[in-house]
């Protein structure tokens, strides 16, 4: 598992617009993708209830990046981050509460 201390660079919401995304390592089966989407939705609900941000670790062409931000919404394919930027769900490695 990746951790913040190894191989993950923190970025700001402003830097997100210049990132080129990649699929997360290994890809997911349909069942795994549904489970990941469910976990993402639950994480967003918990963060919104607590009034906090989510930390999202995702894959880019330059390696893994971590973003701490408020999530405005999701679809099956994208996460909408505060400020209007999107992260493709298929690029997300994991999420956790800030």
N, C-alpha and C. Protein backbone atom coordinates (compact mmCIF):
# COMPACT_ATOMS: atom_id res chain seq x y z
N UNK A 1 0.84 -1.18 0.00
CA UNK A 1 0.00 0.00 0.00
C UNK A 1 0.88 1.25 0.00
N UNK A 2 0.47 2.24 -0.73
CA UNK A 2 1.19 3.51 -0.77
C UNK A 2 0.89 4.29 0.50
N UNK A 3 1.86 5.02 0.97
CA UNK A 3 1.63 5.92 2.09
C UNK A 3 2.12 7.30 1.69
N UNK A 4 1.72 8.28 2.46
CA UNK A 4 2.11 9.65 2.16
C UNK A 4 3.63 9.81 2.18
N UNK A 5 4.30 9.05 3.02
CA UNK A 5 5.74 9.22 3.15
C UNK A 5 6.54 8.60 2.00
N UNK A 6 5.94 7.69 1.22
CA UNK A 6 6.71 7.09 0.14
C UNK A 6 5.97 7.16 -1.18
N UNK A 7 6.56 7.84 -2.13
CA UNK A 7 6.09 7.86 -3.51
C UNK A 7 4.85 8.72 -3.77
N UNK A 8 4.34 9.45 -2.81
CA UNK A 8 3.14 10.26 -3.03
C UNK A 8 3.48 11.72 -2.78
N UNK A 9 3.23 12.56 -3.78
CA UNK A 9 3.49 14.00 -3.66
C UNK A 9 2.17 14.73 -3.44
N UNK A 10 2.14 15.61 -2.45
CA UNK A 10 0.94 16.40 -2.18
C UNK A 10 0.85 17.54 -3.19
N UNK A 11 -0.39 17.79 -3.64
CA UNK A 11 -0.63 18.91 -4.55
C UNK A 11 -1.83 19.71 -4.07
N UNK A 12 -1.98 20.91 -4.58
CA UNK A 12 -3.10 21.77 -4.23
C UNK A 12 -4.20 21.64 -5.30
N UNK A 13 -5.36 22.17 -4.98
CA UNK A 13 -6.48 22.15 -5.92
C UNK A 13 -6.10 22.91 -7.19
N UNK A 14 -5.36 23.99 -7.06
CA UNK A 14 -4.95 24.78 -8.21
C UNK A 14 -4.04 23.98 -9.15
N UNK A 15 -3.18 23.14 -8.60
CA UNK A 15 -2.28 22.32 -9.40
C UNK A 15 -3.01 21.18 -10.11
N UNK A 16 -4.17 20.82 -9.65
CA UNK A 16 -4.92 19.70 -10.22
C UNK A 16 -5.24 19.91 -11.69
N UNK A 17 -5.44 21.13 -12.11
CA UNK A 17 -5.80 21.42 -13.51
C UNK A 17 -4.67 21.09 -14.49
N UNK A 18 -3.44 21.01 -14.01
CA UNK A 18 -2.31 20.73 -14.90
C UNK A 18 -1.87 19.27 -14.88
N UNK A 19 -2.60 18.42 -14.19
CA UNK A 19 -2.23 17.00 -14.03
C UNK A 19 -2.78 16.17 -15.20
N UNK A 20 -1.99 15.20 -15.65
CA UNK A 20 -2.45 14.21 -16.63
C UNK A 20 -2.63 12.90 -15.90
N UNK A 21 -3.85 12.40 -15.89
CA UNK A 21 -4.20 11.22 -15.10
C UNK A 21 -3.88 9.92 -15.82
N UNK A 22 -3.65 8.87 -15.01
CA UNK A 22 -3.48 7.50 -15.48
C UNK A 22 -4.42 6.60 -14.68
N UNK A 23 -4.70 5.41 -15.20
CA UNK A 23 -5.45 4.43 -14.42
C UNK A 23 -4.62 4.02 -13.22
N UNK A 24 -5.30 3.69 -12.14
CA UNK A 24 -4.61 3.19 -10.97
C UNK A 24 -3.98 1.84 -11.29
N UNK A 25 -2.96 1.46 -10.54
CA UNK A 25 -2.22 0.23 -10.80
C UNK A 25 -3.14 -0.99 -10.81
N UNK A 26 -2.99 -1.84 -11.84
CA UNK A 26 -3.68 -3.12 -11.87
C UNK A 26 -5.08 -3.10 -12.46
N UNK A 27 -5.73 -1.98 -12.50
CA UNK A 27 -7.10 -1.96 -12.99
C UNK A 27 -8.02 -2.67 -12.01
N UNK A 28 -9.31 -2.60 -12.27
CA UNK A 28 -10.30 -3.20 -11.36
C UNK A 28 -11.29 -4.02 -12.16
N UNK A 29 -11.79 -5.09 -11.53
CA UNK A 29 -12.90 -5.84 -12.10
C UNK A 29 -14.16 -5.01 -11.89
N UNK A 30 -15.26 -5.40 -12.53
CA UNK A 30 -16.51 -4.66 -12.34
C UNK A 30 -16.94 -4.66 -10.89
N UNK A 31 -16.79 -5.79 -10.21
CA UNK A 31 -17.16 -5.88 -8.79
C UNK A 31 -16.30 -4.99 -7.92
N UNK A 32 -15.01 -4.97 -8.19
CA UNK A 32 -14.10 -4.11 -7.42
C UNK A 32 -14.41 -2.64 -7.68
N UNK A 33 -14.74 -2.30 -8.92
CA UNK A 33 -15.07 -0.91 -9.25
C UNK A 33 -16.34 -0.46 -8.53
N UNK A 34 -17.35 -1.34 -8.47
CA UNK A 34 -18.58 -1.01 -7.74
C UNK A 34 -18.28 -0.80 -6.25
N UNK A 35 -17.44 -1.67 -5.68
CA UNK A 35 -17.08 -1.55 -4.27
C UNK A 35 -16.29 -0.26 -4.02
N UNK A 36 -15.36 0.08 -4.90
CA UNK A 36 -14.61 1.33 -4.77
C UNK A 36 -15.53 2.54 -4.86
N UNK A 37 -16.48 2.52 -5.79
CA UNK A 37 -17.43 3.63 -5.91
C UNK A 37 -18.29 3.75 -4.66
N UNK A 38 -18.70 2.62 -4.11
CA UNK A 38 -19.49 2.63 -2.87
C UNK A 38 -18.66 3.23 -1.73
N UNK A 39 -17.41 2.79 -1.59
CA UNK A 39 -16.54 3.33 -0.54
C UNK A 39 -16.30 4.82 -0.72
N UNK A 40 -16.16 5.25 -1.96
CA UNK A 40 -15.98 6.67 -2.25
C UNK A 40 -17.21 7.46 -1.81
N UNK A 41 -18.39 6.97 -2.16
CA UNK A 41 -19.63 7.65 -1.76
C UNK A 41 -19.75 7.75 -0.24
N UNK A 42 -19.44 6.65 0.47
CA UNK A 42 -19.50 6.67 1.93
C UNK A 42 -18.48 7.64 2.52
N UNK A 43 -17.29 7.69 1.95
CA UNK A 43 -16.26 8.62 2.43
C UNK A 43 -16.70 10.06 2.25
N UNK A 44 -17.32 10.35 1.12
CA UNK A 44 -17.81 11.70 0.86
C UNK A 44 -18.89 12.08 1.86
N UNK A 45 -19.82 11.17 2.12
CA UNK A 45 -20.88 11.45 3.09
C UNK A 45 -20.30 11.71 4.48
N UNK A 46 -19.34 10.90 4.89
CA UNK A 46 -18.73 11.09 6.21
C UNK A 46 -17.98 12.41 6.28
N UNK A 47 -17.25 12.77 5.24
CA UNK A 47 -16.52 14.04 5.23
C UNK A 47 -17.48 15.22 5.26
N UNK A 48 -18.57 15.13 4.52
CA UNK A 48 -19.55 16.22 4.51
C UNK A 48 -20.22 16.36 5.87
N UNK A 49 -20.53 15.25 6.53
CA UNK A 49 -21.13 15.30 7.86
C UNK A 49 -20.18 15.92 8.88
N UNK A 50 -18.90 15.58 8.77
CA UNK A 50 -17.90 16.08 9.71
C UNK A 50 -17.43 17.49 9.36
N UNK A 51 -17.81 17.97 8.18
CA UNK A 51 -17.39 19.30 7.74
C UNK A 51 -15.93 19.36 7.36
N UNK A 52 -15.36 18.21 7.01
CA UNK A 52 -13.94 18.17 6.68
C UNK A 52 -13.68 17.86 5.22
N UNK A 53 -12.42 17.68 4.93
CA UNK A 53 -11.99 17.35 3.57
C UNK A 53 -11.66 15.87 3.47
N UNK A 54 -11.62 15.41 2.24
CA UNK A 54 -11.13 14.07 1.95
C UNK A 54 -9.73 14.19 1.39
N UNK A 55 -8.90 13.22 1.69
CA UNK A 55 -7.61 13.10 1.02
C UNK A 55 -7.79 12.04 -0.04
N UNK A 56 -7.46 12.40 -1.27
CA UNK A 56 -7.60 11.50 -2.40
C UNK A 56 -6.21 11.25 -2.97
N UNK A 57 -5.83 9.98 -3.06
CA UNK A 57 -4.57 9.60 -3.67
C UNK A 57 -4.91 9.03 -5.04
N UNK A 58 -4.28 9.59 -6.08
CA UNK A 58 -4.61 9.18 -7.44
C UNK A 58 -3.34 9.09 -8.27
N UNK A 59 -3.43 8.38 -9.40
CA UNK A 59 -2.29 8.13 -10.25
C UNK A 59 -2.23 9.15 -11.40
N UNK A 60 -1.03 9.66 -11.65
CA UNK A 60 -0.79 10.57 -12.77
C UNK A 60 0.38 10.02 -13.59
N UNK A 61 0.65 10.63 -14.73
CA UNK A 61 1.80 10.21 -15.53
C UNK A 61 3.12 10.47 -14.80
N UNK A 62 3.10 11.34 -13.81
CA UNK A 62 4.30 11.65 -13.02
C UNK A 62 4.31 10.96 -11.66
N UNK A 63 3.46 9.95 -11.47
CA UNK A 63 3.41 9.23 -10.20
C UNK A 63 2.17 9.57 -9.40
N UNK A 64 2.10 9.02 -8.21
CA UNK A 64 0.93 9.24 -7.36
C UNK A 64 0.94 10.62 -6.73
N UNK A 65 -0.24 11.19 -6.63
CA UNK A 65 -0.42 12.51 -6.03
C UNK A 65 -1.52 12.42 -4.97
N UNK A 66 -1.43 13.30 -3.97
CA UNK A 66 -2.44 13.36 -2.92
C UNK A 66 -3.03 14.76 -2.88
N UNK A 67 -4.34 14.83 -2.82
CA UNK A 67 -5.06 16.09 -2.77
C UNK A 67 -5.99 16.08 -1.57
N UNK A 68 -5.96 17.11 -0.78
CA UNK A 68 -6.90 17.28 0.32
C UNK A 68 -7.88 18.37 -0.09
N UNK A 69 -9.16 17.98 -0.22
CA UNK A 69 -10.14 18.94 -0.73
C UNK A 69 -11.56 18.52 -0.36
N UNK A 70 -12.45 19.49 -0.42
CA UNK A 70 -13.88 19.21 -0.29
C UNK A 70 -14.37 18.65 -1.61
N UNK A 71 -15.20 17.64 -1.54
CA UNK A 71 -15.76 17.00 -2.73
C UNK A 71 -17.17 17.53 -2.92
N UNK A 72 -17.45 18.04 -4.11
CA UNK A 72 -18.76 18.59 -4.39
C UNK A 72 -19.71 17.55 -4.96
N UNK A 73 -19.18 16.52 -5.60
CA UNK A 73 -20.05 15.50 -6.16
C UNK A 73 -19.27 14.43 -6.90
N UNK A 74 -19.99 13.39 -7.28
CA UNK A 74 -19.37 12.30 -8.04
C UNK A 74 -20.34 11.80 -9.09
N UNK A 75 -19.77 11.16 -10.09
CA UNK A 75 -20.55 10.39 -11.06
C UNK A 75 -19.87 9.03 -11.14
N UNK A 76 -20.29 8.19 -12.03
CA UNK A 76 -19.66 6.89 -12.17
C UNK A 76 -18.21 7.02 -12.64
N UNK A 77 -17.89 8.13 -13.30
CA UNK A 77 -16.57 8.26 -13.91
C UNK A 77 -15.71 9.38 -13.36
N UNK A 78 -16.29 10.34 -12.62
CA UNK A 78 -15.52 11.50 -12.16
C UNK A 78 -15.88 11.90 -10.74
N UNK A 79 -14.91 12.54 -10.10
CA UNK A 79 -15.10 13.18 -8.79
C UNK A 79 -14.96 14.67 -9.03
N UNK A 80 -15.95 15.44 -8.62
CA UNK A 80 -15.92 16.90 -8.76
C UNK A 80 -15.38 17.50 -7.46
N UNK A 81 -14.26 18.19 -7.58
CA UNK A 81 -13.58 18.78 -6.42
C UNK A 81 -13.95 20.26 -6.33
N UNK A 82 -13.97 20.78 -5.10
CA UNK A 82 -14.23 22.20 -4.89
C UNK A 82 -13.35 23.02 -5.81
N UNK A 83 -13.93 23.96 -6.50
CA UNK A 83 -13.19 24.78 -7.45
C UNK A 83 -13.46 24.37 -8.89
N UNK A 84 -14.20 23.27 -9.10
CA UNK A 84 -14.59 22.89 -10.44
C UNK A 84 -13.68 21.90 -11.15
N UNK A 85 -12.66 21.39 -10.50
CA UNK A 85 -11.78 20.41 -11.13
C UNK A 85 -12.34 19.00 -10.97
N UNK A 86 -11.95 18.11 -11.90
CA UNK A 86 -12.41 16.74 -11.89
C UNK A 86 -11.23 15.79 -11.72
N UNK A 87 -11.50 14.64 -11.06
CA UNK A 87 -10.54 13.54 -10.99
C UNK A 87 -11.27 12.31 -11.52
N UNK A 88 -10.72 11.61 -12.52
CA UNK A 88 -11.36 10.38 -13.00
C UNK A 88 -11.33 9.31 -11.91
N UNK A 89 -12.46 8.66 -11.68
CA UNK A 89 -12.55 7.62 -10.65
C UNK A 89 -11.54 6.51 -10.91
N UNK A 90 -11.31 6.18 -12.18
CA UNK A 90 -10.38 5.09 -12.49
C UNK A 90 -8.94 5.41 -12.11
N UNK A 91 -8.60 6.68 -11.87
CA UNK A 91 -7.25 7.06 -11.46
C UNK A 91 -7.05 7.02 -9.95
N UNK A 92 -8.15 6.92 -9.19
CA UNK A 92 -8.09 6.98 -7.73
C UNK A 92 -7.54 5.67 -7.16
N UNK A 93 -6.50 5.80 -6.33
CA UNK A 93 -5.94 4.63 -5.65
C UNK A 93 -6.68 4.39 -4.34
N UNK A 94 -6.89 5.45 -3.55
CA UNK A 94 -7.68 5.34 -2.33
C UNK A 94 -8.04 6.73 -1.81
N UNK A 95 -9.00 6.75 -0.89
CA UNK A 95 -9.43 8.00 -0.24
C UNK A 95 -9.50 7.77 1.25
N UNK A 96 -9.31 8.83 2.00
CA UNK A 96 -9.48 8.76 3.45
C UNK A 96 -9.82 10.14 3.98
N UNK A 97 -10.37 10.18 5.19
CA UNK A 97 -10.75 11.44 5.80
C UNK A 97 -9.53 12.21 6.23
N UNK A 98 -9.57 13.52 6.06
CA UNK A 98 -8.47 14.40 6.44
C UNK A 98 -8.46 14.57 7.94
